[in-house]
Amino acid sequence: MSLFDPAPEQQSRPSAGREVDFGPGVLVAAVAVLVLLLAAVLPWSAAGATGWQVVLGASGGSGLPRLFGGFAVLFGVLASAVALLTRRWVAVFVAAAGCSVASVTGLWAVWSQNTVPGNGPGLGLGLALAAMVVLAFRWATFALSRT
């Protein structure tokens, strides 16, 4: 063993930069994903179209709620699941960035539903937006905690 070799306990330890230690805050992210899935079966518009109908285009919903629904499924559910399962920093960063963009898109979707006369955002759309904001905050906190 030379003077410049790391100590034996440091050689077997995994790299701190690759994995993220979630701690107890990961429970908030997991609950937010479940809330997002629940919001998909609730009405997203005053006409009664559910989130899944809006995402799949079966209800004839406008473009922004459909775009938000796609982002919510892609980043809020799929990217969050990958980040939770792999604990890799790259997956956490992708989930943070995607959920942040989806949160802004969700805000636009709620705004677009408020501007249509006789129509308005449903409970599911508001719940999905709240879940995406929570996910964006949690994933950003985890991504920025990389040491």
Protein backbone atom coordinates (compact mmCIF):
# COMPACT_ATOMS: atom_id res chain seq x y z
CA MET A 1 0.00 0.00 0.00
CA SER A 2 1.50 3.30 -1.03
CA LEU A 3 1.05 6.69 0.53
CA PHE A 4 -1.33 7.81 -2.24
CA ASP A 5 -3.67 4.82 -2.20
CA PRO A 6 -7.01 5.44 -0.51
CA ALA A 7 -7.72 3.71 2.75
CA PRO A 8 -9.27 0.21 2.43
CA GLU A 9 -12.64 1.39 3.76
CA GLN A 10 -12.79 4.04 1.03
CA GLN A 11 -12.05 1.55 -1.74
CA SER A 12 -15.18 -0.55 -1.16
CA ARG A 13 -17.56 2.37 -0.67
CA PRO A 14 -19.72 3.27 -3.72
CA SER A 15 -19.32 6.65 -5.33
CA ALA A 16 -21.39 9.32 -3.58
CA GLY A 17 -21.99 11.20 -6.82
CA ARG A 18 -23.88 8.41 -8.57
CA GLU A 19 -26.63 7.56 -6.10
CA VAL A 20 -28.95 9.83 -4.18
CA ASP A 21 -29.83 9.20 -0.55
CA PHE A 22 -33.53 10.03 -0.35
CA GLY A 23 -34.07 9.66 3.35
CA PRO A 24 -37.59 9.95 4.78
CA GLY A 25 -38.56 12.66 2.23
CA VAL A 26 -39.05 10.02 -0.44
CA LEU A 27 -42.38 9.09 1.15
CA VAL A 28 -43.76 12.50 0.12
CA ALA A 29 -42.74 11.83 -3.50
CA ALA A 30 -44.29 8.37 -3.45
CA VAL A 31 -47.58 9.71 -2.06
CA ALA A 32 -47.58 12.48 -4.68
CA VAL A 33 -47.26 9.86 -7.44
CA LEU A 34 -50.25 8.00 -5.97
CA VAL A 35 -52.23 11.27 -5.80
CA LEU A 36 -51.35 11.89 -9.44
CA LEU A 37 -52.70 8.46 -10.39
CA LEU A 38 -55.86 9.13 -8.39
CA ALA A 39 -56.28 12.49 -10.15
CA ALA A 40 -56.22 10.70 -13.51
CA VAL A 41 -59.54 9.02 -12.78
CA LEU A 42 -61.22 12.21 -11.53
CA PRO A 43 -62.86 14.78 -13.87
CA TRP A 44 -60.46 17.30 -15.41
CA SER A 45 -63.12 19.53 -16.92
CA ALA A 46 -66.60 20.73 -16.08
CA ALA A 47 -67.86 18.50 -18.90
CA GLY A 48 -66.78 15.48 -16.84
CA ALA A 49 -63.91 14.13 -18.92
CA THR A 50 -61.48 12.20 -16.72
CA GLY A 51 -57.73 12.63 -16.87
CA TRP A 52 -57.20 9.39 -18.78
CA GLN A 53 -59.80 10.43 -21.36
CA VAL A 54 -58.05 13.78 -21.80
CA VAL A 55 -54.61 12.15 -22.13
CA LEU A 56 -55.84 9.59 -24.66
CA GLY A 57 -57.73 12.24 -26.65
CA ALA A 58 -61.08 10.48 -26.37
CA SER A 59 -62.88 13.42 -24.80
CA GLY A 60 -62.02 16.07 -27.33
CA GLY A 61 -60.23 18.11 -24.66
CA SER A 62 -58.11 21.08 -25.60
CA GLY A 63 -54.40 20.89 -26.26
CA LEU A 64 -52.94 22.20 -23.02
CA PRO A 65 -54.69 19.76 -20.67
CA ARG A 66 -53.73 16.94 -23.02
CA LEU A 67 -50.10 18.14 -23.07
CA PHE A 68 -50.09 18.44 -19.28
CA GLY A 69 -51.57 14.96 -18.94
CA GLY A 70 -48.88 13.52 -21.18
CA PHE A 71 -46.14 15.25 -19.20
CA ALA A 72 -47.74 14.14 -15.94
CA VAL A 73 -47.73 10.50 -17.03
CA LEU A 74 -44.25 10.65 -18.55
CA PHE A 75 -42.45 12.56 -15.81
CA GLY A 76 -44.75 12.40 -12.81
CA VAL A 77 -45.35 8.66 -12.98
CA LEU A 78 -42.73 7.00 -15.20
CA ALA A 79 -39.65 9.15 -14.52
CA SER A 80 -40.52 9.29 -10.82
CA ALA A 81 -40.78 5.49 -10.70
CA VAL A 82 -37.42 5.12 -12.44
CA ALA A 83 -35.84 7.62 -10.04
CA LEU A 84 -37.35 5.86 -7.03
CA LEU A 85 -36.21 2.43 -8.17
CA THR A 86 -32.71 3.23 -9.43
CA ARG A 87 -31.76 6.06 -7.02
CA ARG A 88 -29.42 7.35 -9.74
CA TRP A 89 -28.71 11.06 -9.80
CA VAL A 90 -29.33 11.32 -13.54
CA ALA A 91 -32.82 9.82 -13.19
CA VAL A 92 -33.57 12.14 -10.27
CA PHE A 93 -32.40 15.15 -12.32
CA VAL A 94 -34.55 14.14 -15.31
CA ALA A 95 -37.56 13.70 -13.01
CA ALA A 96 -36.91 17.11 -11.42
CA ALA A 97 -36.60 18.90 -14.75
CA GLY A 98 -39.58 17.11 -16.29
CA CYS A 99 -41.85 17.66 -13.30
CA SER A 100 -40.91 21.34 -13.26
CA VAL A 101 -41.86 21.75 -16.92
CA ALA A 102 -45.04 19.73 -16.33
CA SER A 103 -45.97 22.01 -13.40
CA VAL A 104 -45.79 25.09 -15.62
CA THR A 105 -47.76 23.29 -18.33
CA GLY A 106 -50.35 22.29 -15.72
CA LEU A 107 -50.73 25.89 -14.64
CA TRP A 108 -51.34 26.83 -18.27
CA ALA A 109 -53.85 23.98 -18.57
CA VAL A 110 -55.83 25.25 -15.57
CA TRP A 111 -55.69 28.78 -16.98
CA SER A 112 -56.90 27.58 -20.39
CA GLN A 113 -59.88 25.83 -18.77
CA ASN A 114 -60.79 29.02 -16.91
CA THR A 115 -60.82 31.10 -20.09
CA VAL A 116 -63.41 28.93 -21.88
CA PRO A 117 -66.95 30.17 -21.13
CA GLY A 118 -69.14 27.57 -19.48
CA ASN A 119 -66.20 25.30 -18.85
CA GLY A 120 -63.74 25.14 -16.02
CA PRO A 121 -61.08 22.96 -14.51
CA GLY A 122 -62.26 19.88 -12.70
CA LEU A 123 -61.11 18.59 -9.35
CA GLY A 124 -58.74 16.09 -10.98
CA LEU A 125 -56.87 18.74 -12.94
CA GLY A 126 -56.28 20.83 -9.83
CA LEU A 127 -55.22 17.78 -7.84
CA ALA A 128 -52.85 16.69 -10.61
CA LEU A 129 -51.31 20.17 -10.72
CA ALA A 130 -50.78 20.15 -6.94
CA ALA A 131 -49.17 16.70 -7.12
CA MET A 132 -46.85 17.81 -9.92
CA VAL A 133 -45.75 20.89 -7.98
CA VAL A 134 -44.96 18.70 -4.95
CA LEU A 135 -43.05 16.25 -7.16
CA ALA A 136 -41.10 19.05 -8.84
CA PHE A 137 -40.09 20.44 -5.44
CA ARG A 138 -39.13 17.04 -3.99
CA TRP A 139 -37.11 15.93 -7.03
CA ALA A 140 -35.38 19.31 -7.27
CA THR A 141 -34.46 19.07 -3.58
CA PHE A 142 -33.03 15.59 -4.11
CA ALA A 143 -31.20 16.60 -7.30
CA LEU A 144 -29.61 19.63 -5.68
CA SER A 145 -28.50 17.60 -2.67
CA ARG A 146 -25.90 15.73 -4.71
CA THR A 147 -22.55 15.80 -2.95
